[in-house]
Amino acid sequence: MDNEKEKPQTDKKPGLIRRFFRWWCRPSRMALGTLLVAGIVIALVGVLGFNMTMSYISSEKFCISCHEMRDHAYTEYMQSSHYTNASGFKATCSDCHVPKPFIPMMISKFEGLRDIYGSMTGLIDTPEKYEQHRLAMAQRVWDRMKGNDSRECRNCHSFEYMDLAQQKTASAQFHTYEIDQQQTCIDCHKGIVHQLPNMEGIDTGF
């Protein structure tokens, strides 16, 4: 109509948030965004679940859930200086038996399936059977520690920070010899936590 006022034209553009939603809400971008968000959520849940699982299966509670470990290995450990000592420092099962680096840790977890299998099949379910296999179980741990230069021991014990002058004469002599001969902790310290198996003719150190 002639007398109707024309609406003023404006060049005002949509706000930044509105433009973003217009861009985001295109079907192709929505699908891609949904997949991206879902992937991030799944990844976070996976990482969190993995870490919680690793933490649980490295705990003492899990270790002694098998009566073989509770009645033998854990009982021996409770009588050792790694469990109770003058300084009040306690080394747990995982401190000695679970490596901190990721790949060695995963390898140790797969190797631990052997112990679970032994428990489930009754291979070590009696004191007599446990003693029968004690040497083989100990030897596997000793070989691993020998191969990695007693890595888990060195998380707490390091020659670099030892003051040999404050040690007993015999200990200082042995440690000096070990340094000179490039030996590793397990060369001498077998049986420091767990009972030694019958090892006639095998040098156990001290």
C-alpha atoms as a PDB file:
ATOM      1  CA  MET A   1       0.000   0.000   0.000  1.00  0.00           C
ATOM      2  CA  ASP A   2       1.084   3.517  -0.735  1.00  0.00           C
ATOM      3  CA  ASN A   3       0.682   4.888   2.756  1.00  0.00           C
ATOM      4  CA  GLU A   4       2.353   1.874   4.405  1.00  0.00           C
ATOM      5  CA  LYS A   5       5.759   2.709   5.659  1.00  0.00           C
ATOM      6  CA  GLU A   6       8.492   0.553   4.336  1.00  0.00           C
ATOM      7  CA  LYS A   7      10.417  -1.346   6.964  1.00  0.00           C
ATOM      8  CA  PRO A   8      13.920   0.025   7.344  1.00  0.00           C
ATOM      9  CA  GLN A   9      16.616  -2.206   5.950  1.00  0.00           C
ATOM     10  CA  THR A  10      19.435  -3.187   8.270  1.00  0.00           C
ATOM     11  CA  ASP A  11      22.806  -4.705   7.616  1.00  0.00           C
ATOM     12  CA  LYS A  12      23.120  -5.986  11.179  1.00  0.00           C
ATOM     13  CA  LYS A  13      24.687  -9.494  11.193  1.00  0.00           C
ATOM     14  CA  PRO A  14      23.704 -12.279  13.610  1.00  0.00           C
ATOM     15  CA  GLY A  15      25.688 -12.430  16.824  1.00  0.00           C
ATOM     16  CA  LEU A  16      28.787 -14.581  17.151  1.00  0.00           C
ATOM     17  CA  ILE A  17      27.051 -17.254  19.238  1.00  0.00           C
ATOM     18  CA  ARG A  18      24.122 -17.456  16.806  1.00  0.00           C
ATOM     19  CA  ARG A  19      26.479 -17.727  13.838  1.00  0.00           C
ATOM     20  CA  PHE A  20      28.405 -20.477  15.602  1.00  0.00           C
ATOM     21  CA  PHE A  21      25.234 -22.499  16.230  1.00  0.00           C
ATOM     22  CA  ARG A  22      24.138 -22.010  12.632  1.00  0.00           C
ATOM     23  CA  TRP A  23      27.540 -23.350  11.518  1.00  0.00           C
ATOM     24  CA  TRP A  24      27.527 -26.173  14.040  1.00  0.00           C
ATOM     25  CA  CYS A  25      23.976 -27.282  13.340  1.00  0.00           C
ATOM     26  CA  ARG A  26      24.567 -28.184   9.733  1.00  0.00           C
ATOM     27  CA  PRO A  27      23.915 -31.948   9.468  1.00  0.00           C
ATOM     28  CA  SER A  28      27.414 -32.910   8.393  1.00  0.00           C
ATOM     29  CA  ARG A  29      29.053 -30.909  11.154  1.00  0.00           C
ATOM     30  CA  MET A  30      26.614 -32.175  13.792  1.00  0.00           C
ATOM     31  CA  ALA A  31      27.448 -35.768  12.917  1.00  0.00           C
ATOM     32  CA  LEU A  32      31.147 -35.066  13.020  1.00  0.00           C
ATOM     33  CA  GLY A  33      30.844 -33.156  16.292  1.00  0.00           C
ATOM     34  CA  THR A  34      28.774 -35.907  17.876  1.00  0.00           C
ATOM     35  CA  LEU A  35      31.379 -38.494  16.922  1.00  0.00           C
ATOM     36  CA  LEU A  36      34.157 -36.281  18.258  1.00  0.00           C
ATOM     37  CA  VAL A  37      32.444 -35.708  21.608  1.00  0.00           C
ATOM     38  CA  ALA A  38      31.542 -39.391  21.903  1.00  0.00           C
ATOM     39  CA  GLY A  39      35.129 -40.377  21.113  1.00  0.00           C
ATOM     40  CA  ILE A  40      36.501 -38.045  23.795  1.00  0.00           C
ATOM     41  CA  VAL A  41      34.042 -39.356  26.391  1.00  0.00           C
ATOM     42  CA  ILE A  42      34.837 -42.986  25.543  1.00  0.00           C
ATOM     43  CA  ALA A  43      38.570 -42.281  25.686  1.00  0.00           C
ATOM     44  CA  LEU A  44      38.282 -40.579  29.088  1.00  0.00           C
ATOM     45  CA  VAL A  45      36.155 -43.399  30.488  1.00  0.00           C
ATOM     46  CA  GLY A  46      38.609 -45.951  29.075  1.00  0.00           C
ATOM     47  CA  VAL A  47      41.671 -44.230  30.557  1.00  0.00           C
ATOM     48  CA  LEU A  48      39.948 -43.769  33.922  1.00  0.00           C
ATOM     49  CA  GLY A  49      38.769 -47.378  33.953  1.00  0.00           C
ATOM     50  CA  PHE A  50      42.198 -48.669  32.975  1.00  0.00           C
ATOM     51  CA  ASN A  51      43.943 -46.671  35.704  1.00  0.00           C
ATOM     52  CA  MET A  52      41.434 -47.782  38.335  1.00  0.00           C
ATOM     53  CA  THR A  53      41.833 -51.402  37.264  1.00  0.00           C
ATOM     54  CA  MET A  54      45.635 -51.224  37.332  1.00  0.00           C
ATOM     55  CA  SER A  55      45.520 -49.572  40.739  1.00  0.00           C
ATOM     56  CA  TYR A  56      43.250 -52.268  42.151  1.00  0.00           C
ATOM     57  CA  ILE A  57      45.141 -55.277  40.769  1.00  0.00           C
ATOM     58  CA  SER A  58      48.365 -53.768  42.141  1.00  0.00           C
ATOM     59  CA  SER A  59      46.964 -53.393  45.663  1.00  0.00           C
ATOM     60  CA  GLU A  60      47.705 -55.629  48.635  1.00  0.00           C
ATOM     61  CA  LYS A  61      43.981 -56.360  48.893  1.00  0.00           C
ATOM     62  CA  PHE A  62      44.049 -57.953  45.457  1.00  0.00           C
ATOM     63  CA  CYS A  63      47.377 -59.712  46.057  1.00  0.00           C
ATOM     64  CA  ILE A  64      46.122 -61.535  49.136  1.00  0.00           C
ATOM     65  CA  SER A  65      42.680 -62.312  47.726  1.00  0.00           C
ATOM     66  CA  CYS A  66      44.185 -65.716  46.844  1.00  0.00           C
ATOM     67  CA  HIS A  67      44.713 -67.731  50.012  1.00  0.00           C
ATOM     68  CA  GLU A  68      48.039 -69.059  48.673  1.00  0.00           C
ATOM     69  CA  MET A  69      49.498 -65.550  48.685  1.00  0.00           C
ATOM     70  CA  ARG A  70      47.814 -64.610  51.964  1.00  0.00           C
ATOM     71  CA  ASP A  71      48.906 -67.711  53.860  1.00  0.00           C
ATOM     72  CA  HIS A  72      52.455 -67.930  52.532  1.00  0.00           C
ATOM     73  CA  ALA A  73      53.965 -64.933  50.716  1.00  0.00           C
ATOM     74  CA  TYR A  74      52.083 -62.262  52.685  1.00  0.00           C
ATOM     75  CA  THR A  75      52.684 -63.941  56.044  1.00  0.00           C
ATOM     76  CA  GLU A  76      56.424 -64.036  55.332  1.00  0.00           C
ATOM     77  CA  TYR A  77      56.364 -60.422  54.164  1.00  0.00           C
ATOM     78  CA  MET A  78      54.717 -59.308  57.432  1.00  0.00           C
ATOM     79  CA  GLN A  79      57.692 -60.700  59.332  1.00  0.00           C
ATOM     80  CA  SER A  80      60.236 -58.808  57.237  1.00  0.00           C
ATOM     81  CA  SER A  81      61.815 -55.380  57.583  1.00  0.00           C
ATOM     82  CA  HIS A  82      59.911 -54.253  54.494  1.00  0.00           C
ATOM     83  CA  TYR A  83      56.684 -54.486  56.508  1.00  0.00           C
ATOM     84  CA  THR A  84      57.803 -53.106  59.875  1.00  0.00           C
ATOM     85  CA  ASN A  85      61.056 -51.389  60.814  1.00  0.00           C
ATOM     86  CA  ALA A  86      62.529 -48.667  63.001  1.00  0.00           C
ATOM     87  CA  SER A  87      62.017 -45.908  60.424  1.00  0.00           C
ATOM     88  CA  GLY A  88      58.328 -46.693  59.890  1.00  0.00           C
ATOM     89  CA  PHE A  89      58.730 -46.985  56.115  1.00  0.00           C
ATOM     90  CA  LYS A  90      56.672 -49.747  54.494  1.00  0.00           C
ATOM     91  CA  ALA A  91      57.247 -51.258  51.060  1.00  0.00           C
ATOM     92  CA  THR A  92      54.094 -52.856  49.681  1.00  0.00           C
ATOM     93  CA  CYS A  93      53.792 -55.860  47.360  1.00  0.00           C
ATOM     94  CA  SER A  94      53.556 -53.643  44.281  1.00  0.00           C
ATOM     95  CA  ASP A  95      56.654 -51.646  45.257  1.00  0.00           C
ATOM     96  CA  CYS A  96      58.751 -54.761  44.704  1.00  0.00           C
ATOM     97  CA  HIS A  97      56.729 -56.754  42.176  1.00  0.00           C
ATOM     98  CA  VAL A  98      55.069 -54.180  39.894  1.00  0.00           C
ATOM     99  CA  PRO A  99      57.365 -52.026  37.710  1.00  0.00           C
ATOM    100  CA  LYS A 100      56.483 -48.358  37.382  1.00  0.00           C
ATOM    101  CA  PRO A 101      57.304 -47.969  33.629  1.00  0.00           C
ATOM    102  CA  PHE A 102      54.245 -48.819  31.532  1.00  0.00           C
ATOM    103  CA  ILE A 103      55.572 -51.568  29.244  1.00  0.00           C
ATOM    104  CA  PRO A 104      57.420 -53.518  31.997  1.00  0.00           C
ATOM    105  CA  MET A 105      54.310 -53.117  34.188  1.00  0.00           C
ATOM    106  CA  MET A 106      52.076 -54.661  31.515  1.00  0.00           C
ATOM    107  CA  ILE A 107      54.560 -57.500  30.968  1.00  0.00           C
ATOM    108  CA  SER A 108      54.567 -58.233  34.709  1.00  0.00           C
ATOM    109  CA  LYS A 109      50.754 -58.292  34.722  1.00  0.00           C
ATOM    110  CA  PHE A 110      50.664 -60.880  31.952  1.00  0.00           C
ATOM    111  CA  GLU A 111      53.346 -62.917  33.724  1.00  0.00           C
ATOM    112  CA  GLY A 112      51.218 -62.755  36.876  1.00  0.00           C
ATOM    113  CA  LEU A 113      48.514 -64.730  35.081  1.00  0.00           C
ATOM    114  CA  ARG A 114      50.687 -67.771  35.753  1.00  0.00           C
ATOM    115  CA  ASP A 115      50.161 -67.340  39.501  1.00  0.00           C
ATOM    116  CA  ILE A 116      46.411 -66.890  39.029  1.00  0.00           C
ATOM    117  CA  TYR A 117      46.319 -70.033  36.905  1.00  0.00           C
ATOM    118  CA  GLY A 118      48.255 -71.910  39.583  1.00  0.00           C
ATOM    119  CA  SER A 119      45.768 -70.799  42.205  1.00  0.00           C
ATOM    120  CA  MET A 120      42.675 -71.603  40.142  1.00  0.00           C
ATOM    121  CA  THR A 121      43.904 -75.068  39.153  1.00  0.00           C
ATOM    122  CA  GLY A 122      45.093 -76.038  42.629  1.00  0.00           C
ATOM    123  CA  LEU A 123      48.739 -76.157  41.566  1.00  0.00           C
ATOM    124  CA  ILE A 124      49.905 -74.408  44.758  1.00  0.00           C
ATOM    125  CA  ASP A 125      46.807 -74.674  46.975  1.00  0.00           C
ATOM    126  CA  THR A 126      48.452 -76.603  49.831  1.00  0.00           C
ATOM    127  CA  PRO A 127      51.588 -75.851  51.855  1.00  0.00           C
ATOM    128  CA  GLU A 128      53.252 -78.943  50.385  1.00  0.00           C
ATOM    129  CA  LYS A 129      52.492 -77.935  46.805  1.00  0.00           C
ATOM    130  CA  TYR A 130      53.555 -74.357  47.484  1.00  0.00           C
ATOM    131  CA  GLU A 131      56.930 -75.526  48.805  1.00  0.00           C
ATOM    132  CA  GLN A 132      57.303 -77.833  45.836  1.00  0.00           C
ATOM    133  CA  HIS A 133      57.015 -74.858  43.456  1.00  0.00           C
ATOM    134  CA  ARG A 134      58.694 -72.242  45.668  1.00  0.00           C
ATOM    135  CA  LEU A 135      62.077 -72.445  43.947  1.00  0.00           C
ATOM    136  CA  ALA A 136      60.584 -72.091  40.445  1.00  0.00           C
ATOM    137  CA  MET A 137      58.479 -69.090  41.517  1.00  0.00           C
ATOM    138  CA  ALA A 138      61.425 -67.448  43.275  1.00  0.00           C
ATOM    139  CA  GLN A 139      63.779 -68.111  40.381  1.00  0.00           C
ATOM    140  CA  ARG A 140      61.482 -66.297  37.946  1.00  0.00           C
ATOM    141  CA  VAL A 141      61.489 -63.218  40.188  1.00  0.00           C
ATOM    142  CA  TRP A 142      65.260 -63.385  40.698  1.00  0.00           C
ATOM    143  CA  ASP A 143      65.881 -63.691  36.962  1.00  0.00           C
ATOM    144  CA  ARG A 144      63.651 -60.690  36.266  1.00  0.00           C
ATOM    145  CA  MET A 145      65.388 -58.595  38.914  1.00  0.00           C
ATOM    146  CA  LYS A 146      68.812 -59.688  37.675  1.00  0.00           C
ATOM    147  CA  GLY A 147      67.819 -58.718  34.145  1.00  0.00           C
ATOM    148  CA  ASN A 148      66.598 -55.209  35.044  1.00  0.00           C
ATOM    149  CA  ASP A 149      69.400 -54.414  37.527  1.00  0.00           C
ATOM    150  CA  SER A 150      67.023 -54.718  40.501  1.00  0.00           C
ATOM    151  CA  ARG A 151      65.055 -51.746  39.208  1.00  0.00           C
ATOM    152  CA  GLU A 152      62.280 -51.972  41.803  1.00  0.00           C
ATOM    153  CA  CYS A 153      64.829 -52.171  44.655  1.00  0.00           C
ATOM    154  CA  ARG A 154      66.507 -49.026  43.371  1.00  0.00           C
ATOM    155  CA  ASN A 155      63.276 -47.073  43.594  1.00  0.00           C
ATOM    156  CA  CYS A 156      64.065 -46.865  47.322  1.00  0.00           C
ATOM    157  CA  HIS A 157      67.710 -47.980  47.603  1.00  0.00           C
ATOM    158  CA  SER A 158      70.374 -46.243  45.554  1.00  0.00           C
ATOM    159  CA  PHE A 159      74.154 -46.479  45.764  1.00  0.00           C
ATOM    160  CA  GLU A 160      74.256 -42.849  44.671  1.00  0.00           C
ATOM    161  CA  TYR A 161      72.724 -41.726  47.961  1.00  0.00           C
ATOM    162  CA  MET A 162      74.200 -44.351  50.290  1.00  0.00           C
ATOM    163  CA  ASP A 163      76.549 -43.127  52.998  1.00  0.00           C
ATOM    164  CA  LEU A 164      78.670 -46.238  53.417  1.00  0.00           C
ATOM    165  CA  ALA A 165      80.487 -44.669  56.381  1.00  0.00           C
ATOM    166  CA  GLN A 166      77.261 -44.870  58.408  1.00  0.00           C
ATOM    167  CA  GLN A 167      76.673 -48.534  57.612  1.00  0.00           C
ATOM    168  CA  LYS A 168      77.908 -51.491  59.589  1.00  0.00           C
ATOM    169  CA  THR A 169      81.377 -52.611  58.574  1.00  0.00           C
ATOM    170  CA  ALA A 170      80.176 -55.820  56.900  1.00  0.00           C
ATOM    171  CA  SER A 171      77.395 -54.044  54.983  1.00  0.00           C
ATOM    172  CA  ALA A 172      79.743 -51.319  53.791  1.00  0.00           C
ATOM    173  CA  GLN A 173      82.247 -53.932  52.605  1.00  0.00           C
ATOM    174  CA  PHE A 174      79.620 -55.901  50.713  1.00  0.00           C
ATOM    175  CA  HIS A 175      78.185 -52.775  49.089  1.00  0.00           C
ATOM    176  CA  THR A 176      81.631 -51.548  48.122  1.00  0.00           C
ATOM    177  CA  TYR A 177      82.346 -54.922  46.537  1.00  0.00           C
ATOM    178  CA  GLU A 178      78.986 -54.858  44.756  1.00  0.00           C
ATOM    179  CA  ILE A 179      79.740 -51.433  43.283  1.00  0.00           C
ATOM    180  CA  ASP A 180      83.218 -52.465  42.158  1.00  0.00           C
ATOM    181  CA  GLN A 181      81.983 -55.720  40.595  1.00  0.00           C
ATOM    182  CA  GLN A 182      78.879 -54.085  39.086  1.00  0.00           C
ATOM    183  CA  GLN A 183      76.603 -56.542  40.820  1.00  0.00           C
ATOM    184  CA  THR A 184      72.941 -55.911  41.508  1.00  0.00           C
ATOM    185  CA  CYS A 185      70.863 -56.061  44.700  1.00  0.00           C
ATOM    186  CA  ILE A 186      69.374 -59.514  44.115  1.00  0.00           C
ATOM    187  CA  ASP A 187      72.834 -61.063  43.798  1.00  0.00           C
ATOM    188  CA  CYS A 188      73.127 -60.871  47.581  1.00  0.00           C
ATOM    189  CA  HIS A 189      69.672 -60.137  48.967  1.00  0.00           C
ATOM    190  CA  LYS A 190      67.692 -63.254  48.072  1.00  0.00           C
ATOM    191  CA  GLY A 191      65.349 -64.214  50.888  1.00  0.00           C
ATOM    192  CA  ILE A 192      65.258 -60.758  52.456  1.00  0.00           C
ATOM    193  CA  VAL A 193      61.424 -60.792  52.455  1.00  0.00           C
ATOM    194  CA  HIS A 194      60.281 -64.284  51.539  1.00  0.00           C
ATOM    195  CA  GLN A 195      61.510 -67.610  52.849  1.00  0.00           C
ATOM    196  CA  LEU A 196      64.262 -69.144  50.764  1.00  0.00           C
ATOM    197  CA  PRO A 197      63.446 -72.392  48.971  1.00  0.00           C
ATOM    198  CA  ASN A 198      65.602 -75.474  49.290  1.00  0.00           C
ATOM    199  CA  MET A 199      68.663 -74.399  47.317  1.00  0.00           C
ATOM    200  CA  GLU A 200      71.384 -76.911  48.011  1.00  0.00           C
ATOM    201  CA  GLY A 201      74.469 -76.005  46.058  1.00  0.00           C
ATOM    202  CA  ILE A 202      73.117 -72.567  45.044  1.00  0.00           C
ATOM    203  CA  ASP A 203      74.851 -69.410  46.277  1.00  0.00           C
ATOM    204  CA  THR A 204      72.221 -67.279  48.024  1.00  0.00           C
ATOM    205  CA  GLY A 205      74.504 -64.454  49.160  1.00  0.00           C
ATOM    206  CA  PHE A 206      73.771 -63.335  52.691  1.00  0.00           C
END
